[in-house]
Amino acid sequence: MHQLTGLDASFLYLETTNTPMHIGSLCIYDQSTAPGGHVRFKDILSFYEQRLHRARVFRQRLARVPLSLDHPYWIEDPDFDLEFHIRHIALPQPGDWRQLCIQAARLHARALDMNRPLWEVTVIEGLDAVDGIPPGSFAVVSKIHHAAIDGVSGAEIAAALHDPTPDAEVNDDSGRWVPERQPTGLELLARTAQRTATGPVRLARTAARALPSLGRLAGGMATKQIKPTPPVPRTRFNDNVSPNRVFDALAFKLDDIKAIKNSREGIKLNDVVVAICGGALRKYLQAKHELPEESLVAMAPMSIRPQDKIRAEGNLVAAMSLPVRSDIEDPVERLLAVHEGSDNAKKMTFTLGPDLMASAADFLPSTVAGLAVRAYGRMRMAESVKPVFNTVISNVPGVNVPLYSMGSKMVANFGMGPVVHGVGLFHPVVSYNGMIAISIVACREMMPDPAFYMSCLQESFDEMYAATVGAAAKKPVEKPVEKPTVKPASKTAAKRKTKKKAAKPKAAKAEAKPAEPSAPKSASVTPLNGDTRPAAD
């Protein structure tokens, strides 16, 4: 039994009926690589059962302190039931991308059972008409509560369920799993009393670390080495969220994103992603006649996980406030401005101390935190309180080689994340096997037309590629004119040369202009057919 940190517990306190706080993924697999070319549901159950020992989160459930006087504890569930956590459904014909997005959004909108281990997997068969995906493939929608993992530890847990070859076998044994009994209320209260007694000492240590950091931040702003975060405008995404969700995604070639990055010195991969999202948000809100003059601001989670805790569960992240520069139309100017803002946000985060937020979260008032969040939603305070962020852009690095699960090759990987009151749009970004996918999870009332937003995302990428990589390829390369080679003259010719001037060499032929490149089509499983109708719930 071990206690949740304050940061982990904060995701429990943020959960309401309309705001389940799990993260997840939508992965698509080609089962033709599996033994026999087919995966049965009992094979999936057996596969997961063999790998449960690789991550504690699979069998851990919450044990809450009476009256919520302290943060909850994790215990090994004595009533663990694998079949409760793995479900199986199928899409009706034709089984296309739109149907899959609708089903994934519905599954993601449902909260997890808080009386069981906080994860759930749904296998979806019948993917027979998804562009770029082999017919007969299946999808897996995974959900794990944010209290248990962050993006980096979630990627490590996903790695526990995948292999580099289709015929890999589990050969590691971490020992027999031993369930724990449910602790009594008195036992948990005794632990709470002990932790409360040490609270003032822990608070003094945190304050001692915070004060110098605040001083350094103030000094950096006074010398203008660090710029203050710009004001956050109010948009349609900064209201109370409904219980309904939409999901969609677009995948781009990683090499194309890297080519944009390499077109300008100092640009990072994440700068390109944020600038593309900023352009998409500009186009989307402009089409709705709702584009604010100020730039939208994204919350960008940044991992502060040390190497020795790379496989540990829980959350070790800091939050950066990052302008997406939706106020700039020119894609190159936007990219450079995003890079400048990103550097400033990193300076601010590291000046404060990236782990300071995690330490401060340990002192959240567990008794009233959940009540305060629910009151915030019921009173619709998001409508009147100044927004802190407009959206979330979470970039999780992945692997650049093909992976297999249950013997089936993973052909696509998309992220999913939570939305909360006041921030109703989430951009999970995941890279895998030469592709980088930008997904969106949004409140259905705030974004009823996710397919249109995908077209905005595609246009934003096309414009940025054309203005950077395309513009560089257009520029002709000037080559020096080569001097003609002169053969040794004969004696007779040499005598004539004294009487006549040498003939001038003919002008070199002008080089042909290089062909004007066009922006590459993104390798997306999403058919961009301009369908802007809202998905049926």
Protein backbone atom coordinates (compact mmCIF):
# COMPACT_ATOMS: atom_id res chain seq x y z
CA MET A 1 0.00 0.00 0.00
CA HIS A 2 1.34 3.45 -0.90
CA GLN A 3 -0.17 6.91 -0.94
CA LEU A 4 -0.90 9.04 -3.99
CA THR A 5 1.11 12.23 -4.28
CA GLY A 6 -0.71 15.55 -4.17
CA LEU A 7 -0.31 15.93 -7.94
CA ASP A 8 -1.73 12.45 -8.59
CA ALA A 9 -4.63 13.06 -6.21
CA SER A 10 -5.43 16.40 -7.87
CA PHE A 11 -6.69 14.51 -10.93
CA LEU A 12 -9.13 12.65 -8.70
CA TYR A 13 -10.37 15.94 -7.24
CA LEU A 14 -10.84 17.40 -10.75
CA GLU A 15 -13.18 14.55 -11.75
CA THR A 16 -16.90 15.35 -12.02
CA THR A 17 -19.80 13.80 -13.93
CA ASN A 18 -18.97 15.89 -16.99
CA THR A 19 -15.17 15.76 -16.64
CA PRO A 20 -13.78 12.22 -16.30
CA MET A 21 -10.03 12.52 -15.86
CA HIS A 22 -8.55 9.59 -17.75
CA ILE A 23 -6.05 9.66 -20.59
CA GLY A 24 -5.79 7.01 -23.27
CA SER A 25 -5.12 6.00 -26.83
CA LEU A 26 -6.68 4.63 -29.99
CA CYS A 27 -4.40 2.05 -31.60
CA ILE A 28 -5.17 0.18 -34.83
CA TYR A 29 -3.75 -3.29 -35.51
CA ASP A 30 -3.42 -5.45 -38.62
CA GLN A 31 -4.21 -8.97 -37.43
CA SER A 32 -2.91 -10.59 -40.63
CA THR A 33 0.52 -10.76 -38.94
CA ALA A 34 -0.85 -12.75 -35.96
CA PRO A 35 -0.55 -16.55 -35.82
CA GLY A 36 -3.22 -17.92 -38.13
CA GLY A 37 -4.00 -14.40 -39.36
CA HIS A 38 -6.71 -13.92 -36.75
CA VAL A 39 -6.90 -12.86 -33.09
CA ARG A 40 -9.68 -14.29 -30.94
CA PHE A 41 -11.03 -12.53 -27.87
CA LYS A 42 -9.76 -15.28 -25.58
CA ASP A 43 -6.28 -14.75 -27.08
CA ILE A 44 -6.51 -11.09 -26.07
CA LEU A 45 -7.50 -11.99 -22.51
CA SER A 46 -4.62 -14.46 -22.28
CA PHE A 47 -2.18 -11.89 -23.69
CA TYR A 48 -3.09 -9.26 -21.09
CA GLU A 49 -3.07 -11.79 -18.25
CA GLN A 50 0.54 -12.74 -19.07
CA ARG A 51 1.65 -9.09 -18.88
CA LEU A 52 -0.25 -7.67 -15.91
CA HIS A 53 2.85 -7.99 -13.74
CA ARG A 54 4.73 -5.48 -15.91
CA ALA A 55 2.84 -2.47 -14.47
CA ARG A 56 1.39 -2.10 -10.98
CA VAL A 57 -1.42 0.13 -12.24
CA PHE A 58 -3.21 -2.87 -13.76
CA ARG A 59 -4.13 -4.42 -10.38
CA GLN A 60 -4.15 -1.38 -8.09
CA ARG A 61 -7.33 0.22 -6.79
CA LEU A 62 -8.04 3.18 -4.52
CA ALA A 63 -8.46 3.05 -0.75
CA ARG A 64 -9.95 6.35 0.41
CA VAL A 65 -9.33 7.93 3.80
CA PRO A 66 -12.57 8.51 5.79
CA LEU A 67 -14.03 12.00 5.24
CA SER A 68 -11.28 12.57 2.63
CA LEU A 69 -9.00 13.86 5.38
CA ASP A 70 -5.94 12.94 3.33
CA HIS A 71 -4.98 11.79 -0.15
CA PRO A 72 -6.06 8.22 -1.01
CA TYR A 73 -3.84 5.13 -1.13
CA TRP A 74 -3.18 2.47 -3.78
CA ILE A 75 -3.71 -1.16 -2.77
CA GLU A 76 -3.46 -4.41 -4.74
CA ASP A 77 -7.11 -5.20 -5.51
CA PRO A 78 -8.21 -8.38 -3.69
CA ASP A 79 -11.20 -8.71 -6.07
CA PHE A 80 -9.38 -8.15 -9.36
CA ASP A 81 -11.40 -9.37 -12.38
CA LEU A 82 -9.62 -9.14 -15.75
CA GLU A 83 -12.78 -9.64 -17.82
CA PHE A 84 -14.32 -6.51 -16.30
CA HIS A 85 -11.50 -4.39 -17.73
CA ILE A 86 -11.38 -5.81 -21.28
CA ARG A 87 -14.46 -5.40 -23.47
CA HIS A 88 -15.24 -6.39 -27.06
CA ILE A 89 -17.50 -4.68 -29.63
CA ALA A 90 -17.74 -4.34 -33.43
CA LEU A 91 -18.59 -1.52 -35.82
CA PRO A 92 -21.57 -1.96 -38.14
CA GLN A 93 -20.88 -1.98 -41.87
CA PRO A 94 -19.10 -0.34 -43.60
CA GLY A 95 -16.75 0.20 -40.60
CA ASP A 96 -15.17 3.47 -41.70
CA TRP A 97 -13.05 6.14 -39.99
CA ARG A 98 -16.01 8.32 -39.08
CA GLN A 99 -17.78 5.45 -37.31
CA LEU A 100 -14.59 4.62 -35.43
CA CYS A 101 -14.16 8.25 -34.27
CA ILE A 102 -17.78 8.38 -33.04
CA GLN A 103 -17.37 5.13 -31.10
CA ALA A 104 -14.01 6.16 -29.63
CA ALA A 105 -15.51 9.48 -28.46
CA ARG A 106 -18.42 7.70 -26.78
CA LEU A 107 -16.11 5.30 -24.97
CA HIS A 108 -13.79 8.11 -23.89
CA ALA A 109 -16.72 10.13 -22.50
CA ARG A 110 -17.61 7.41 -19.96
CA ALA A 111 -15.99 7.59 -16.53
CA LEU A 112 -14.05 4.68 -15.06
CA ASP A 113 -15.39 2.68 -12.12
CA MET A 114 -13.63 4.22 -9.10
CA ASN A 115 -14.14 1.03 -7.05
CA ARG A 116 -11.89 -1.03 -9.33
CA PRO A 117 -8.40 -0.61 -10.85
CA LEU A 118 -8.60 2.57 -12.91
CA TRP A 119 -8.15 1.27 -16.44
CA GLU A 120 -10.25 -0.16 -19.23
CA VAL A 121 -9.65 -1.55 -22.74
CA THR A 122 -12.22 -1.94 -25.52
CA VAL A 123 -11.41 -3.99 -28.61
CA ILE A 124 -13.30 -2.76 -31.69
CA GLU A 125 -13.62 -5.08 -34.70
CA GLY A 126 -15.03 -4.41 -38.15
CA LEU A 127 -12.59 -1.79 -39.51
CA ASP A 128 -13.16 -2.69 -43.16
CA ALA A 129 -13.42 0.72 -44.84
CA VAL A 130 -10.78 2.95 -43.21
CA ASP A 131 -8.50 4.65 -45.76
CA GLY A 132 -4.91 3.43 -45.49
CA ILE A 133 -5.77 0.60 -43.07
CA PRO A 134 -5.84 -3.09 -44.12
CA PRO A 135 -9.43 -4.47 -44.15
CA GLY A 136 -10.13 -6.74 -41.21
CA SER A 137 -8.01 -4.69 -38.81
CA PHE A 138 -9.17 -4.00 -35.27
CA ALA A 139 -8.76 -1.06 -32.90
CA VAL A 140 -8.07 -0.90 -29.17
CA VAL A 141 -9.34 2.08 -27.18
CA SER A 142 -7.44 2.26 -23.86
CA LYS A 143 -8.31 4.39 -20.84
CA ILE A 144 -6.18 4.84 -17.70
CA HIS A 145 -6.91 7.41 -15.02
CA HIS A 146 -4.59 10.41 -14.95
CA ALA A 147 -4.15 9.85 -11.21
CA ALA A 148 -2.22 6.69 -12.06
CA ILE A 149 -0.02 7.84 -14.95
CA ASP A 150 1.16 10.79 -17.03
CA GLY A 151 2.04 10.76 -20.72
CA VAL A 152 5.59 9.42 -20.27
CA SER A 153 4.73 6.66 -17.79
CA GLY A 154 1.71 5.85 -19.96
CA ALA A 155 4.04 5.34 -22.91
CA GLU A 156 6.12 2.97 -20.78
CA ILE A 157 2.99 1.01 -19.82
CA ALA A 158 2.02 0.82 -23.49
CA ALA A 159 5.51 -0.54 -24.20
CA ALA A 160 4.81 -3.35 -21.73
CA LEU A 161 1.96 -4.47 -23.99
CA HIS A 162 3.97 -4.39 -27.23
CA ASP A 163 6.86 -6.33 -28.73
CA PRO A 164 9.37 -5.68 -31.55
CA THR A 165 8.32 -8.90 -33.34
CA PRO A 166 4.96 -10.63 -33.83
CA ASP A 167 6.12 -13.90 -32.26
CA ALA A 168 7.74 -12.56 -29.07
CA GLU A 169 7.10 -14.47 -25.86
CA VAL A 170 6.90 -13.27 -22.26
CA ASN A 171 10.00 -14.64 -20.56
CA ASP A 172 10.29 -12.36 -17.52
CA ASP A 173 8.75 -13.35 -14.20
CA SER A 174 8.47 -10.82 -11.41
CA GLY A 175 7.08 -13.32 -8.92
CA ARG A 176 3.59 -14.29 -7.87
CA TRP A 177 1.12 -11.48 -7.43
CA VAL A 178 -0.21 -11.08 -3.89
CA PRO A 179 -3.44 -9.12 -3.34
CA GLU A 180 -3.87 -6.88 -0.30
CA ARG A 181 -6.77 -6.68 2.10
CA GLN A 182 -8.80 -3.50 2.24
CA PRO A 183 -7.36 -1.38 5.11
CA THR A 184 -9.75 -0.31 7.83
CA GLY A 185 -10.79 3.29 8.36
CA LEU A 186 -8.88 3.41 11.64
CA GLU A 187 -5.67 2.29 9.95
CA LEU A 188 -5.97 4.99 7.33
CA LEU A 189 -6.81 7.64 9.93
CA ALA A 190 -3.73 6.63 11.93
CA ARG A 191 -1.56 7.16 8.84
CA THR A 192 -3.27 10.51 8.27
CA ALA A 193 -2.51 11.63 11.81
CA GLN A 194 1.14 10.75 11.37
CA ARG A 195 1.39 12.61 8.07
CA THR A 196 -0.44 15.63 9.46
CA ALA A 197 2.12 15.86 12.28
CA THR A 198 4.96 16.16 9.78
CA GLY A 199 2.99 18.59 7.57
CA PRO A 200 4.48 21.85 8.97
CA VAL A 201 8.03 20.58 8.40
CA ARG A 202 7.25 19.60 4.78
CA LEU A 203 5.51 22.93 4.19
CA ALA A 204 8.51 24.86 5.55
CA ARG A 205 10.85 22.94 3.22
CA THR A 206 8.65 23.67 0.21
CA ALA A 207 8.40 27.36 1.13
CA ALA A 208 12.19 27.55 1.57
CA ARG A 209 12.60 26.26 -1.97
CA ALA A 210 9.84 28.46 -3.40
CA LEU A 211 11.02 31.84 -2.08
CA PRO A 212 14.41 31.91 -3.86
CA SER A 213 12.73 30.66 -7.05
CA LEU A 214 10.18 33.47 -6.91
CA GLY A 215 13.02 35.93 -6.34
CA ARG A 216 14.89 34.65 -9.40
CA LEU A 217 11.70 34.89 -11.46
CA ALA A 218 11.11 38.48 -10.36
CA GLY A 219 14.72 39.33 -11.19
CA GLY A 220 14.45 37.73 -14.62
CA MET A 221 11.34 39.77 -15.39
CA ALA A 222 12.93 42.98 -14.10
CA THR A 223 15.91 42.51 -16.45
CA LYS A 224 13.53 41.45 -19.25
CA GLN A 225 15.31 38.11 -19.62
CA ILE A 226 11.92 36.51 -18.90
CA LYS A 227 8.73 37.94 -20.34
CA PRO A 228 5.41 37.68 -18.48
CA THR A 229 2.78 35.31 -19.86
CA PRO A 230 0.50 37.20 -22.28
CA PRO A 231 -3.20 37.62 -21.42
CA VAL A 232 -5.42 34.68 -22.36
CA PRO A 233 -8.42 35.60 -24.54
CA ARG A 234 -11.82 34.03 -24.05
CA THR A 235 -12.94 31.60 -26.78
CA ARG A 236 -15.69 29.04 -27.32
CA PHE A 237 -13.41 26.46 -25.64
CA ASN A 238 -13.40 28.31 -22.30
CA ASP A 239 -16.81 27.42 -20.90
CA ASN A 240 -18.42 24.59 -18.94
CA VAL A 241 -18.05 21.31 -20.84
CA SER A 242 -20.89 18.92 -21.53
CA PRO A 243 -20.62 15.15 -20.88
CA ASN A 244 -20.34 14.44 -24.64
CA ARG A 245 -17.10 14.28 -26.63
CA VAL A 246 -15.82 14.32 -30.19
CA PHE A 247 -12.60 12.73 -31.41
CA ASP A 248 -10.66 12.99 -34.65
CA ALA A 249 -7.03 12.74 -35.76
CA LEU A 250 -4.62 13.41 -38.57
CA ALA A 251 -1.22 11.79 -39.16
CA PHE A 252 1.75 13.42 -40.90
CA LYS A 253 5.09 12.03 -42.05
CA LEU A 254 7.66 12.66 -39.35
CA ASP A 255 10.27 13.47 -42.00
CA ASP A 256 8.06 16.30 -43.30
CA ILE A 257 7.72 17.78 -39.82
CA LYS A 258 11.50 17.47 -39.36
CA ALA A 259 12.07 19.17 -42.72
CA ILE A 260 10.06 22.16 -41.50
CA LYS A 261 12.05 22.12 -38.25
CA ASN A 262 15.37 22.05 -40.10
CA SER A 263 14.37 24.94 -42.37
CA ARG A 264 15.09 27.45 -39.61
CA GLU A 265 17.96 27.40 -37.13
CA GLY A 266 17.10 26.54 -33.53
CA ILE A 267 13.51 25.40 -34.19
CA LYS A 268 12.36 22.36 -32.20
CA LEU A 269 9.96 19.65 -33.31
CA ASN A 270 7.43 20.77 -30.70
CA ASP A 271 7.59 24.34 -32.07
CA VAL A 272 6.43 23.05 -35.46
CA VAL A 273 3.55 21.09 -33.92
CA VAL A 274 2.40 24.05 -31.82
CA ALA A 275 2.63 26.44 -34.80
CA ILE A 276 0.56 24.05 -36.95
CA CYS A 277 -2.08 23.83 -34.20
CA GLY A 278 -1.99 27.62 -33.86
CA GLY A 279 -2.68 27.98 -37.59
CA ALA A 280 -5.54 25.47 -37.41
CA LEU A 281 -7.13 27.28 -34.46
CA ARG A 282 -6.82 30.57 -36.34
CA LYS A 283 -8.58 29.15 -39.41
CA TYR A 284 -11.29 27.43 -37.37
CA LEU A 285 -12.18 30.47 -35.25
CA GLN A 286 -11.90 32.79 -38.24
CA ALA A 287 -14.49 30.67 -40.06
CA LYS A 288 -16.79 31.08 -37.04
CA HIS A 289 -16.10 34.86 -36.95
CA GLU A 290 -14.70 34.38 -33.43
CA LEU A 291 -10.95 34.90 -33.85
CA PRO A 292 -9.62 37.11 -31.00
CA GLU A 293 -6.92 39.70 -31.66
CA GLU A 294 -4.69 38.17 -28.97
CA SER A 295 -2.96 34.83 -29.41
CA LEU A 296 -4.57 31.75 -27.92
CA VAL A 297 -2.48 30.18 -25.14
CA ALA A 298 -1.91 26.45 -24.70
CA MET A 299 -0.97 24.51 -21.61
CA ALA A 300 1.99 22.35 -22.63
CA PRO A 301 2.86 19.59 -20.12
CA MET A 302 6.60 19.05 -19.71
CA SER A 303 8.00 15.86 -18.20
CA ILE A 304 10.28 16.33 -15.18
CA ARG A 305 10.75 12.59 -14.76
CA PRO A 306 14.35 11.62 -13.94
CA GLN A 307 15.90 8.70 -15.79
CA ASP A 308 15.80 6.43 -12.73
CA LYS A 309 11.99 6.89 -12.50
CA ILE A 310 11.20 6.57 -16.18
CA ARG A 311 9.12 3.43 -15.59
CA ALA A 312 7.46 4.60 -12.39
CA GLU A 313 3.71 5.18 -12.33
CA GLY A 314 2.15 8.48 -11.28
CA ASN A 315 2.66 12.02 -12.51
CA LEU A 316 5.93 13.93 -12.75
CA VAL A 317 5.08 16.88 -14.98
CA ALA A 318 5.28 20.66 -15.02
CA ALA A 319 2.89 22.93 -16.93
CA MET A 320 4.16 25.55 -19.38
CA SER A 321 2.03 28.44 -20.62
CA LEU A 322 2.71 28.60 -24.35
CA PRO A 323 1.22 31.11 -26.87
CA VAL A 324 0.29 29.30 -30.12
CA ARG A 325 0.45 32.63 -32.03
CA SER A 326 -2.95 32.30 -33.65
CA ASP A 327 -2.74 36.08 -34.05
CA ILE A 328 -0.12 35.70 -36.83
CA GLU A 329 -1.28 34.74 -40.33
CA ASP A 330 2.12 34.20 -41.95
CA PRO A 331 3.20 30.60 -41.18
CA VAL A 332 6.94 31.35 -40.99
CA GLU A 333 6.45 34.34 -38.70
CA ARG A 334 4.15 32.22 -36.55
CA LEU A 335 6.73 29.42 -36.32
CA LEU A 336 9.49 31.82 -35.24
CA ALA A 337 7.18 33.51 -32.72
CA VAL A 338 6.16 30.14 -31.25
CA HIS A 339 9.84 29.23 -30.87
CA GLU A 340 10.53 32.50 -29.05
CA GLY A 341 7.54 31.96 -26.76
CA SER A 342 8.59 28.38 -26.08
CA ASP A 343 12.08 29.47 -25.03
CA ASN A 344 10.54 32.06 -22.70
CA ALA A 345 8.13 29.50 -21.19
CA LYS A 346 10.99 27.07 -20.53
CA LYS A 347 13.04 29.81 -18.86
CA MET A 348 10.11 30.65 -16.61
CA THR A 349 9.47 26.99 -15.72
CA PHE A 350 13.10 26.20 -14.91
CA THR A 351 13.57 29.46 -13.00
CA LEU A 352 10.66 28.54 -10.74
CA GLY A 353 11.87 24.96 -10.47
CA PRO A 354 10.05 22.39 -12.61
CA ASP A 355 9.21 20.16 -9.64
CA LEU A 356 7.90 23.01 -7.47
CA MET A 357 4.31 22.60 -8.71
CA ALA A 358 4.37 18.89 -7.90
CA SER A 359 5.64 19.64 -4.38
CA ALA A 360 3.06 22.39 -3.82
CA ALA A 361 0.23 20.07 -4.93
CA ASP A 362 1.00 17.87 -1.95
CA PHE A 363 -0.67 20.48 0.26
CA LEU A 364 -3.99 20.55 -1.61
CA PRO A 365 -6.87 20.52 0.91
CA SER A 366 -8.12 16.97 0.30
CA THR A 367 -11.32 17.54 2.28
CA VAL A 368 -12.62 20.44 0.19
CA ALA A 369 -10.76 20.13 -3.12
CA GLY A 370 -13.37 17.89 -4.72
CA LEU A 371 -16.23 19.99 -3.34
CA ALA A 372 -14.66 23.16 -4.73
CA VAL A 373 -14.29 21.65 -8.21
CA ARG A 374 -17.90 20.44 -8.26
CA ALA A 375 -19.12 23.84 -7.06
CA TYR A 376 -17.06 25.50 -9.81
CA GLY A 377 -18.92 23.42 -12.39
CA ARG A 378 -22.41 23.76 -10.91
CA MET A 379 -22.10 27.54 -10.60
CA ARG A 380 -20.73 27.75 -14.17
CA MET A 381 -17.84 29.87 -12.97
CA ALA A 382 -15.87 29.14 -16.16
CA GLU A 383 -18.17 31.65 -17.88
CA SER A 384 -17.04 34.52 -15.65
CA VAL A 385 -13.56 33.59 -14.40
CA LYS A 386 -10.69 34.69 -16.65
CA PRO A 387 -9.37 31.65 -18.54
CA VAL A 388 -5.90 30.36 -17.69
CA PHE A 389 -5.45 28.40 -20.95
CA ASN A 390 -7.43 27.99 -24.16
CA THR A 391 -6.37 24.45 -24.97
CA VAL A 392 -3.86 21.72 -24.08
CA ILE A 393 -1.14 20.49 -26.47
CA SER A 394 0.57 17.40 -25.06
CA ASN A 395 3.45 16.00 -27.12
CA VAL A 396 4.55 12.50 -26.08
CA PRO A 397 7.60 11.05 -27.92
CA GLY A 398 7.07 7.55 -29.23
CA VAL A 399 9.12 4.83 -30.92
CA ASN A 400 10.22 4.98 -34.55
CA VAL A 401 9.98 1.25 -35.28
CA PRO A 402 6.94 -0.99 -35.86
CA LEU A 403 5.48 -2.66 -32.77
CA TYR A 404 3.31 -5.74 -32.33
CA SER A 405 0.66 -6.64 -29.77
CA MET A 406 -1.10 -9.99 -29.64
CA GLY A 407 0.99 -10.83 -32.73
CA SER A 408 -0.73 -8.03 -34.68
CA LYS A 409 1.21 -5.13 -36.17
CA MET A 410 0.25 -1.69 -34.88
CA VAL A 411 -0.38 0.41 -37.98
CA ALA A 412 -1.60 3.63 -36.30
CA ASN A 413 -1.43 5.22 -32.86
CA PHE A 414 -3.47 8.22 -31.68
CA GLY A 415 -3.60 9.84 -28.24
CA MET A 416 -6.67 10.78 -26.18
CA GLY A 417 -6.90 13.14 -23.20
CA PRO A 418 -9.33 14.81 -20.79
CA VAL A 419 -11.12 18.14 -21.03
CA VAL A 420 -12.25 20.14 -18.01
CA HIS A 421 -14.52 23.08 -17.28
CA GLY A 422 -12.83 26.12 -18.82
CA VAL A 423 -10.57 24.13 -21.19
CA GLY A 424 -12.74 22.13 -23.58
CA LEU A 425 -10.16 21.22 -26.25
CA PHE A 426 -7.23 18.80 -25.89
CA HIS A 427 -4.54 18.11 -28.54
CA PRO A 428 -2.65 14.83 -27.82
CA VAL A 429 0.38 14.46 -30.11
CA VAL A 430 2.01 11.03 -30.51
CA SER A 431 4.83 9.88 -32.80
CA TYR A 432 5.12 6.30 -34.02
CA ASN A 433 7.03 4.48 -36.77
CA GLY A 434 7.83 7.46 -38.97
CA MET A 435 4.52 9.25 -38.41
CA ILE A 436 3.37 11.96 -36.01
CA ALA A 437 -0.34 12.09 -35.20
CA ILE A 438 -2.22 15.14 -33.91
CA SER A 439 -5.53 14.16 -32.34
CA ILE A 440 -8.26 16.24 -30.75
CA VAL A 441 -10.67 15.46 -27.94
CA ALA A 442 -13.24 18.20 -27.41
CA CYS A 443 -16.58 18.97 -25.84
CA ARG A 444 -19.16 18.20 -28.50
CA GLU A 445 -21.01 21.48 -27.95
CA MET A 446 -17.81 23.50 -28.41
CA MET A 447 -16.64 21.65 -31.54
CA PRO A 448 -19.60 19.99 -33.29
CA ASP A 449 -17.63 19.71 -36.56
CA PRO A 450 -14.31 17.92 -35.85
CA ALA A 451 -13.88 16.97 -39.53
CA PHE A 452 -13.78 20.67 -40.42
CA TYR A 453 -11.12 21.27 -37.77
CA MET A 454 -9.08 18.46 -39.34
CA SER A 455 -9.26 20.25 -42.68
CA CYS A 456 -8.00 23.42 -40.93
CA LEU A 457 -5.13 21.38 -39.49
CA GLN A 458 -4.26 20.00 -42.93
CA GLU A 459 -4.32 23.48 -44.50
CA SER A 460 -2.14 24.86 -41.72
CA PHE A 461 0.45 22.13 -42.33
CA ASP A 462 0.33 22.59 -46.12
CA GLU A 463 0.92 26.33 -45.82
CA MET A 464 3.80 25.92 -43.40
CA TYR A 465 5.48 23.26 -45.53
CA ALA A 466 5.14 25.37 -48.66
CA ALA A 467 6.48 28.48 -46.90
CA THR A 468 9.53 26.72 -45.45
CA VAL A 469 10.63 23.55 -47.25
CA GLY A 470 8.86 24.49 -50.49
CA ALA A 471 10.25 28.03 -50.53
CA ALA A 472 13.78 26.74 -49.96
CA ALA A 473 13.45 24.29 -52.85
CA LYS A 474 12.15 27.04 -55.18
CA LYS A 475 15.28 29.16 -54.74
CA PRO A 476 17.64 28.46 -57.67
CA VAL A 477 21.18 27.47 -56.79
CA GLU A 478 23.72 29.74 -58.49
CA LYS A 479 26.57 27.78 -59.98
CA PRO A 480 29.78 29.44 -61.24
CA VAL A 481 30.25 29.37 -65.03
CA GLU A 482 32.96 26.88 -65.85
CA LYS A 483 35.87 28.12 -68.00
CA PRO A 484 36.13 26.28 -71.30
CA THR A 485 39.01 23.89 -71.58
CA VAL A 486 41.52 24.85 -74.30
CA LYS A 487 43.40 22.14 -76.18
CA PRO A 488 47.10 22.74 -76.83
CA ALA A 489 47.42 24.58 -80.10
CA SER A 490 49.64 23.39 -82.96
CA LYS A 491 52.63 25.46 -84.06
CA THR A 492 50.78 26.69 -87.17
CA ALA A 493 47.78 27.69 -85.11
CA ALA A 494 50.08 29.45 -82.67
CA LYS A 495 51.47 31.62 -85.42
CA ARG A 496 47.97 32.55 -86.55
CA LYS A 497 47.05 33.42 -82.97
CA THR A 498 49.62 36.21 -82.94
CA LYS A 499 47.88 37.83 -85.87
CA LYS A 500 44.25 37.35 -84.71
CA LYS A 501 42.51 37.77 -81.41
CA ALA A 502 41.30 34.59 -79.72
CA ALA A 503 37.55 33.89 -80.21
CA LYS A 504 35.43 34.51 -77.20
CA PRO A 505 33.94 31.39 -75.61
CA LYS A 506 30.23 30.84 -76.17
CA ALA A 507 27.97 31.76 -73.24
CA ALA A 508 27.05 28.86 -71.02
CA LYS A 509 23.49 27.67 -71.33
CA ALA A 510 21.17 29.03 -68.67
CA GLU A 511 20.27 26.45 -66.10
CA ALA A 512 16.70 25.21 -66.07
CA LYS A 513 14.60 26.35 -63.13
CA PRO A 514 13.84 23.60 -60.61
CA ALA A 515 10.27 22.34 -60.55
CA GLU A 516 8.11 24.07 -57.95
CA PRO A 517 7.38 21.51 -55.18
CA SER A 518 3.96 21.18 -53.66
CA ALA A 519 3.24 20.41 -50.03
CA PRO A 520 3.12 16.63 -49.46
CA LYS A 521 -0.17 15.05 -48.61
CA SER A 522 -0.26 13.92 -45.02
CA ALA A 523 -0.36 10.17 -44.63
CA SER A 524 -3.59 10.21 -42.71
CA VAL A 525 -6.21 7.57 -42.05
CA THR A 526 -8.72 10.41 -42.02
CA PRO A 527 -10.56 10.96 -45.30
CA LEU A 528 -10.60 14.75 -45.63
CA ASN A 529 -13.85 14.94 -47.54
CA GLY A 530 -14.94 18.28 -46.17
CA ASP A 531 -17.72 16.67 -44.13
CA THR A 532 -18.53 19.20 -41.44
CA ARG A 533 -21.68 17.60 -40.16
CA PRO A 534 -21.67 16.88 -36.41
CA ALA A 535 -21.24 13.25 -35.53
CA ALA A 536 -24.32 11.51 -34.17
CA ASP A 537 -24.13 10.78 -30.48
